[in-house]
Amino acid sequence: MGPLRILHSEAATGFGGQENRIFKEMGAMRAAGHHMEALCQPHARLAQRLRDDGFQVHTLLMDGPRNYVRGVFQVRRILKAGRFDVLNTHSRRDTLLAGVAGRLAGTPLIVRTRHLAVKPGSLLSYTRVPHCVTTVSDHVRRLLLECGAAPDRVATVYSPIPLPPPVERSSLRAELGIPDNAIVVGCVAVMRAKKGHRALIDAMTDLLRRPDVYLVLVGDGSPTLEELQMMVQTRGLQDKVLFTGRRADIPNVLAGFDLFALATEQEASGTVFVEAAAAGLPVVGTDVGGVSEMLQDGVTGVLVPLHDQKALADAIRMLVDDPGRRRAMGQAGMRAVRDSDRFTLEGLVRRTEQCYRGWLKDRIG
């Protein structure tokens, strides 16, 4: 079987982790020789990003009954004219629109990718409309199987992370006025309540009274950012908990940390833990969702129970006080990520091709 013709669809108009996964996947699959096109809403940020990168992007409105009916027939024409082998949908709305169009067009394989870490309310957009499903972690896969999805029709394909060259010297500490000999606990995450920033600050409040310990929070998002800033101000920690806002230089930022911690309450995968490990950092995370698949407890980092503030505080304190263990875990994490293709673009392509070709073979022989 030669190169595949693949159409990805996405109804969301913002650009978060899900859209970034689609963008990276399309680029990697194109580089491997496959023909890639996308279907988005006209005002979607993903549509512009893909166009800027040279992809053909079809656009249509996906809201409301009138747009739905019109859209089904419009997408059916796109699929038939493009002779696509695979339609890969990503959200419920575009699955029910483009997926139905794919059924009407006779598209050989319709795949839905599940990005969320909660049980779906219905399997309609996972088993009735698409033929198969890919998930971003085994945790998400298990949730679908528990709802009744067939095991041979659901496969895990991990999201890739960039593996930039090591940063010789980060500019972060100089920018923030942090002494070179201080110990910096860092967190990179969008500012949402479920990301657990408040729990992280709570767990570190006593530790931050020490003159050599700092917490750096990277990311933005209202109103959580403003609420956290007020919390820090109220506790008199404004000189020890530093907010950078959103940053584009994440490798440089990670190189300025001594360890990475994220007390997330809900996570489909948590590839930021992998990015931190690839940068040579020990990681501390909550044992929720797919986080346990991103790190090796006791080897590359520490998993703590959700909402266990003492366990979170103890794990961070242990790494703050033990530079030898920080070094050993950081080196183990770097080796684990760089010596495996699980989270690389090459691994994504290999696994995606394996899924597509295997399922196509089952369907068309």
Foldseek 3Di string as FASTA:
>chain_A
DDAFEEEEEEEDQEDDPLLVLVVLLQVLSVVVPHHYAYEYAPNHPSQVVVVVVPHHYHHFHQDDDVSLVVQLCVLLVVCLVSVGQEYEYEDQSCLVRNLSSCVVNVRLFYEYEYEFQDQDPDCCSAPVRGPAYEYQFVNSVVSVVVVPDDPLRYYYAHAADDQDPADPAFCVCVVLVADPQAAEEEEEDAQDVQFCPVLLCVLCVVVLVDPRYAYEYEHYDPDRVVVVCVVCVVSVNDSRYHYDYHDPPVSSVLLSHLAYEIAGNTGQAPCVLLVSLLNLFQYEYEPYHNPCVRAPDPQLYHYDHHPPSNRRSVRVVVCSVDVVSGNRNSVRSSCVNVVDCSRHSVSSNVVVCVSSVVSSVVRPD
